[in-house]
């Protein structure tokens, strides 16, 4: 029922957008962004994977991909969710090379995606389970002026957190390989995130943090914060500068996921159930449980 209501809200908003476009007219770039956003919204509204936009609609520029992300965000807010922060991706050289990415990218995170540490999620919530170790920061003061250095940035951050991010695979792997621009348009696959306990920024040297992902008591992945653009602070600074260029302001309470410390741990969906703990050493720990889907269930 909840999925049906959400779909009706999204569909209603899409109709309003279509009427507005017809009535007021729309530039080709806006039309392109709207078409891509409607396409990627289908995966969230129906629970079905879709072909990457570059295959279903044709390749797009990075500017159009971000425009599509803006429209997708508008649709999700119209559907009842709200933006609570941002995520940074492609922060490692290996991840950028894998998708021919020219640099990092950002997406939005939503209130409906947040889960408490220790909470459970069903595999039915995913097409593919992926668990990533991240360091999150929460803004304490509105960032409304140019920030050039990490030292200038530090006073604006209220707290840091150990975090897990669990993106979803909204594009069908059978349809073809997604491009960097496809992923940006799809809000970088943002789906679920979990925050551990807060710690004051001056209590830990983030660049020296190392973390281990543990599944049912067994280590399955390790990473270092220094692999996130050299430091999570550098990732946050990149985001602040990028948002400022688009006239977007970070507000008090905004959460920023600064990037994965290592590649995603992605067990087969049928065997993904288990307890996942991110041990970040001096930064603390965070956990979640993935529960098995009922017999005959289908991942969503």
Protein backbone atom coordinates (compact mmCIF):
# COMPACT_ATOMS: atom_id res chain seq x y z
CA UNK A 1 0.00 0.00 0.00
CA UNK A 2 2.79 2.43 0.92
CA UNK A 3 4.55 1.77 -2.40
CA UNK A 4 1.24 2.28 -4.27
CA UNK A 5 0.60 5.61 -2.53
CA UNK A 6 4.15 6.75 -3.29
CA UNK A 7 3.75 5.78 -6.93
CA UNK A 8 0.45 7.70 -7.20
CA UNK A 9 2.11 10.80 -5.74
CA UNK A 10 5.03 10.57 -8.17
CA UNK A 11 2.70 9.96 -11.11
CA UNK A 12 0.55 12.93 -10.16
CA UNK A 13 3.57 15.17 -9.97
CA UNK A 14 4.80 13.93 -13.36
CA UNK A 15 1.44 14.89 -14.87
CA UNK A 16 1.73 18.39 -13.39
CA UNK A 17 5.24 18.74 -14.84
CA UNK A 18 4.02 17.57 -18.25
CA UNK A 19 1.18 20.10 -18.25
CA UNK A 20 3.57 22.87 -17.25
CA UNK A 21 6.00 21.97 -20.03
CA UNK A 22 3.22 21.98 -22.63
CA UNK A 23 1.69 25.22 -21.32
CA UNK A 24 4.79 27.29 -20.72
CA UNK A 25 7.25 25.64 -23.06
CA UNK A 26 10.60 24.17 -22.11
CA UNK A 27 14.09 24.45 -23.52
CA UNK A 28 15.61 21.31 -25.08
CA UNK A 29 18.03 20.92 -22.15
CA UNK A 30 15.15 21.03 -19.64
CA UNK A 31 13.16 18.57 -21.72
CA UNK A 32 16.12 16.23 -21.79
CA UNK A 33 16.62 16.48 -18.03
CA UNK A 34 12.92 15.91 -17.42
CA UNK A 35 12.85 12.81 -19.66
CA UNK A 36 15.86 11.29 -17.89
CA UNK A 37 14.49 12.04 -14.41
CA UNK A 38 11.14 10.43 -15.26
CA UNK A 39 12.97 7.39 -16.57
CA UNK A 40 15.09 6.86 -13.43
CA UNK A 41 12.12 7.66 -11.17
CA UNK A 42 10.41 4.56 -12.56
CA UNK A 43 12.82 2.32 -10.63
CA UNK A 44 11.85 3.94 -7.34
CA UNK A 45 8.14 4.29 -8.06
CA UNK A 46 7.57 0.73 -9.31
CA UNK A 47 10.40 -1.25 -7.73
CA UNK A 48 11.53 -2.44 -11.17
CA UNK A 49 15.01 -2.02 -12.58
CA UNK A 50 15.30 0.08 -15.72
CA UNK A 51 17.85 0.41 -18.50
CA UNK A 52 20.53 3.07 -17.97
CA UNK A 53 19.36 6.36 -19.54
CA UNK A 54 22.32 6.36 -21.94
CA UNK A 55 20.91 3.15 -23.43
CA UNK A 56 17.18 3.83 -23.12
CA UNK A 57 17.27 7.50 -24.11
CA UNK A 58 20.78 8.26 -25.36
CA UNK A 59 23.96 9.62 -23.82
CA UNK A 60 23.86 12.85 -21.86
CA UNK A 61 26.33 15.47 -20.67
CA UNK A 62 27.29 15.80 -17.01
CA UNK A 63 25.38 19.08 -16.79
CA UNK A 64 22.20 17.41 -18.02
CA UNK A 65 22.81 14.49 -15.65
CA UNK A 66 22.89 16.88 -12.68
CA UNK A 67 19.80 18.65 -14.02
CA UNK A 68 18.03 15.28 -14.16
CA UNK A 69 19.13 14.65 -10.57
CA UNK A 70 17.61 18.02 -9.60
CA UNK A 71 14.31 17.04 -11.21
CA UNK A 72 14.42 13.58 -9.61
CA UNK A 73 14.95 15.27 -6.24
CA UNK A 74 11.94 17.50 -6.88
CA UNK A 75 9.82 14.45 -7.70
CA UNK A 76 10.89 12.62 -4.54
CA UNK A 77 10.13 15.65 -2.39
CA UNK A 78 6.73 15.96 -4.08
CA UNK A 79 6.22 12.29 -3.19
CA UNK A 80 6.57 13.08 0.51
CA UNK A 81 10.30 12.75 1.25
CA UNK A 82 12.75 15.53 2.14
CA UNK A 83 16.44 16.17 1.53
CA UNK A 84 18.57 15.86 4.68
CA UNK A 85 22.02 16.15 3.16
CA UNK A 86 24.42 15.01 0.46
CA UNK A 87 26.64 12.11 -0.48
CA UNK A 88 29.97 12.23 -2.28
CA UNK A 89 31.03 9.37 -4.55
CA UNK A 90 33.97 8.47 -6.80
CA UNK A 91 36.39 9.68 -4.16
CA UNK A 92 39.01 7.03 -4.94
CA UNK A 93 41.15 6.72 -8.05
CA UNK A 94 39.99 3.13 -8.55
CA UNK A 95 36.29 4.04 -8.56
CA UNK A 96 36.85 6.92 -10.98
CA UNK A 97 38.82 4.70 -13.34
CA UNK A 98 36.08 2.04 -13.31
CA UNK A 99 33.50 4.51 -14.70
CA UNK A 100 35.75 6.92 -16.61
CA UNK A 101 34.74 9.55 -14.07
CA UNK A 102 36.40 12.97 -14.50
CA UNK A 103 36.30 13.47 -10.73
CA UNK A 104 34.06 12.99 -7.70
CA UNK A 105 30.29 13.44 -7.89
CA UNK A 106 27.55 14.33 -5.44
CA UNK A 107 23.97 13.31 -4.83
CA UNK A 108 21.26 14.00 -2.29
CA UNK A 109 20.28 11.87 0.68
CA UNK A 110 16.71 11.76 1.98
CA UNK A 111 15.04 11.38 5.35
CA UNK A 112 13.30 8.20 4.20
CA UNK A 113 16.66 6.56 3.49
CA UNK A 114 18.04 6.89 7.02
CA UNK A 115 18.05 3.93 9.42
CA UNK A 116 19.16 3.75 13.04
CA UNK A 117 22.28 1.83 13.98
CA UNK A 118 21.31 -1.75 14.84
CA UNK A 119 18.10 -1.65 12.80
CA UNK A 120 17.00 -4.35 10.36
CA UNK A 121 16.36 -4.15 6.63
CA UNK A 122 14.92 -6.87 4.43
CA UNK A 123 16.67 -7.98 1.26
CA UNK A 124 13.31 -7.19 -0.36
CA UNK A 125 14.33 -3.53 -0.13
CA UNK A 126 17.18 -4.10 -2.60
CA UNK A 127 17.87 -5.32 -6.10
CA UNK A 128 21.46 -5.87 -5.01
CA UNK A 129 22.82 -5.57 -1.49
CA UNK A 130 25.99 -3.48 -1.25
CA UNK A 131 27.50 -2.28 2.03
CA UNK A 132 30.05 0.54 2.13
CA UNK A 133 32.11 1.96 4.98
CA UNK A 134 31.80 5.76 5.16
CA UNK A 135 32.52 8.67 7.46
CA UNK A 136 29.64 11.11 7.85
CA UNK A 137 29.70 14.72 9.02
CA UNK A 138 26.87 16.92 10.24
CA UNK A 139 26.86 20.64 9.60
CA UNK A 140 26.55 22.85 12.68
CA UNK A 141 26.57 26.31 11.07
CA UNK A 142 25.15 27.51 7.77
CA UNK A 143 27.89 27.58 5.14
CA UNK A 144 27.04 30.72 3.21
CA UNK A 145 30.44 32.14 2.28
CA UNK A 146 33.38 30.93 0.18
CA UNK A 147 35.46 28.27 1.94
CA UNK A 148 38.96 27.75 0.56
CA UNK A 149 40.72 25.50 3.07
CA UNK A 150 40.00 22.63 5.43
CA UNK A 151 40.97 24.79 8.40
CA UNK A 152 38.32 27.33 7.43
CA UNK A 153 35.81 24.49 7.10
CA UNK A 154 36.33 22.76 10.46
CA UNK A 155 34.37 25.26 12.64
CA UNK A 156 31.24 24.66 10.55
CA UNK A 157 31.04 20.94 11.41
CA UNK A 158 29.17 19.90 14.55
CA UNK A 159 29.93 16.18 14.67
CA UNK A 160 31.37 13.22 12.78
CA UNK A 161 29.97 9.70 12.65
CA UNK A 162 30.91 6.18 11.58
CA UNK A 163 28.46 5.26 8.84
CA UNK A 164 27.31 2.53 6.49
CA UNK A 165 25.83 3.28 3.10
CA UNK A 166 23.73 0.72 1.26
CA UNK A 167 23.07 1.92 -2.32
CA UNK A 168 20.72 0.10 -4.66
CA UNK A 169 21.21 -1.08 -8.23
CA UNK A 170 18.35 0.63 -10.05
CA UNK A 171 19.72 -0.16 -13.53
CA UNK A 172 19.24 -3.60 -15.00
CA UNK A 173 22.65 -5.24 -15.61
CA UNK A 174 21.11 -7.10 -18.56
CA UNK A 175 20.37 -3.82 -20.34
CA UNK A 176 23.99 -2.68 -20.58
CA UNK A 177 26.68 -0.91 -18.62
CA UNK A 178 25.74 2.35 -16.87
CA UNK A 179 27.93 5.39 -17.48
CA UNK A 180 29.20 7.92 -14.95
CA UNK A 181 26.52 10.36 -16.13
CA UNK A 182 23.82 7.69 -15.72
CA UNK A 183 24.80 7.22 -12.09
CA UNK A 184 24.77 10.97 -11.43
CA UNK A 185 21.29 11.28 -12.94
CA UNK A 186 20.12 8.41 -10.75
CA UNK A 187 21.36 10.22 -7.61
CA UNK A 188 24.28 7.78 -7.36
CA UNK A 189 21.98 4.93 -6.42
CA UNK A 190 21.25 6.44 -2.99
CA UNK A 191 18.97 4.11 -1.04
CA UNK A 192 19.80 3.51 2.66
CA UNK A 193 22.34 4.87 5.14
CA UNK A 194 23.06 4.20 8.80
CA UNK A 195 24.83 6.50 11.27
CA UNK A 196 26.61 5.39 14.43
CA UNK A 197 27.20 7.54 17.53
CA UNK A 198 28.37 11.14 17.12
CA UNK A 199 31.83 12.29 18.12
CA UNK A 200 33.26 15.80 18.26
CA UNK A 201 35.40 16.59 15.19
CA UNK A 202 38.40 17.57 17.31
CA UNK A 203 38.41 14.21 19.12
CA UNK A 204 39.64 12.15 16.18
CA UNK A 205 42.08 12.53 13.29
CA UNK A 206 39.86 11.40 10.43
CA UNK A 207 42.71 11.04 7.95
CA UNK A 208 44.21 8.31 10.18
CA UNK A 209 41.01 6.31 10.67
CA UNK A 210 40.98 2.73 9.41
CA UNK A 211 37.80 0.67 9.34
CA UNK A 212 36.74 -2.95 8.98
CA UNK A 213 33.40 -4.27 7.79
CA UNK A 214 32.44 -7.36 9.77
CA UNK A 215 29.68 -9.71 8.74
CA UNK A 216 28.42 -12.20 11.35
CA UNK A 217 31.68 -11.88 13.24
CA UNK A 218 33.96 -12.31 10.21
CA UNK A 219 35.92 -9.42 8.61
CA UNK A 220 34.93 -9.06 4.96
CA UNK A 221 36.36 -5.66 3.94
CA UNK A 222 38.82 -3.05 5.19
CA UNK A 223 39.50 0.54 4.23
CA UNK A 224 41.29 3.74 5.18
CA UNK A 225 39.88 7.24 5.39
CA UNK A 226 43.01 8.54 3.69
CA UNK A 227 41.78 6.89 0.48
CA UNK A 228 38.83 9.34 0.41
CA UNK A 229 40.53 12.14 -1.57
CA UNK A 230 43.33 12.02 1.02
CA UNK A 231 40.94 12.84 3.88
CA UNK A 232 37.16 13.03 4.43
CA UNK A 233 37.73 16.74 5.12
CA UNK A 234 39.04 17.12 1.56
CA UNK A 235 35.91 15.37 0.28
CA UNK A 236 33.68 17.73 2.25
CA UNK A 237 35.62 20.75 0.98
CA UNK A 238 35.16 19.53 -2.60
CA UNK A 239 31.41 19.27 -1.99
CA UNK A 240 31.15 22.71 -0.37
CA UNK A 241 32.91 24.34 -3.32
CA UNK A 242 30.78 22.43 -5.84
CA UNK A 243 27.52 23.31 -4.16
CA UNK A 244 28.54 26.96 -3.85
CA UNK A 245 29.12 27.05 -7.60
CA UNK A 246 25.49 25.97 -8.02
CA UNK A 247 24.22 28.45 -5.41
CA UNK A 248 23.37 25.65 -2.98
CA UNK A 249 23.94 26.28 0.71
CA UNK A 250 24.63 23.65 3.36
CA UNK A 251 22.32 24.18 6.33
CA UNK A 252 22.68 23.27 10.03
CA UNK A 253 21.75 19.62 10.49
CA UNK A 254 22.66 18.58 6.95
CA UNK A 255 24.35 15.18 6.82
CA UNK A 256 27.25 14.57 4.42
CA UNK A 257 28.42 11.07 3.53
CA UNK A 258 32.00 11.82 2.48
CA UNK A 259 32.73 8.72 0.37
CA UNK A 260 33.49 5.03 0.68
CA UNK A 261 36.68 3.97 2.45
CA UNK A 262 36.77 0.87 0.27
CA UNK A 263 34.85 -0.81 -2.53
CA UNK A 264 31.33 -2.06 -1.78
CA UNK A 265 30.88 -5.47 -0.21
CA UNK A 266 28.22 -7.11 -2.39
CA UNK A 267 27.22 -10.68 -1.49
CA UNK A 268 24.67 -12.50 -3.66
CA UNK A 269 21.14 -11.38 -2.79
CA UNK A 270 20.09 -14.89 -1.80
CA UNK A 271 22.84 -15.10 0.83
CA UNK A 272 23.06 -11.46 1.92
CA UNK A 273 21.23 -11.90 5.23
CA UNK A 274 23.38 -11.24 8.27
CA UNK A 275 24.58 -8.69 10.79
CA UNK A 276 26.96 -6.07 9.43
CA UNK A 277 29.21 -4.04 11.73
CA UNK A 278 31.47 -1.19 10.67
CA UNK A 279 34.34 -0.97 13.17
CA UNK A 280 36.02 2.44 12.76
CA UNK A 281 38.44 2.15 15.69
CA UNK A 282 38.68 5.46 17.57
CA UNK A 283 35.66 6.79 15.65
CA UNK A 284 33.39 4.06 17.03
CA UNK A 285 31.17 1.51 15.31
CA UNK A 286 27.86 1.25 13.45
CA UNK A 287 25.74 -1.75 12.53
CA UNK A 288 22.67 -3.01 10.70
CA UNK A 289 20.97 -6.32 10.00
CA UNK A 290 19.87 -7.65 6.63
CA UNK A 291 17.04 -10.15 6.97
CA UNK A 292 16.12 -12.87 4.50
CA UNK A 293 13.18 -12.30 2.18
CA UNK A 294 10.06 -14.42 2.65
CA UNK A 295 9.63 -17.44 0.39
CA UNK A 296 8.71 -16.30 -3.09
CA UNK A 297 9.58 -12.70 -2.31
CA UNK A 298 11.15 -10.40 -4.83
CA UNK A 299 13.79 -7.82 -4.07
CA UNK A 300 12.65 -4.21 -4.30
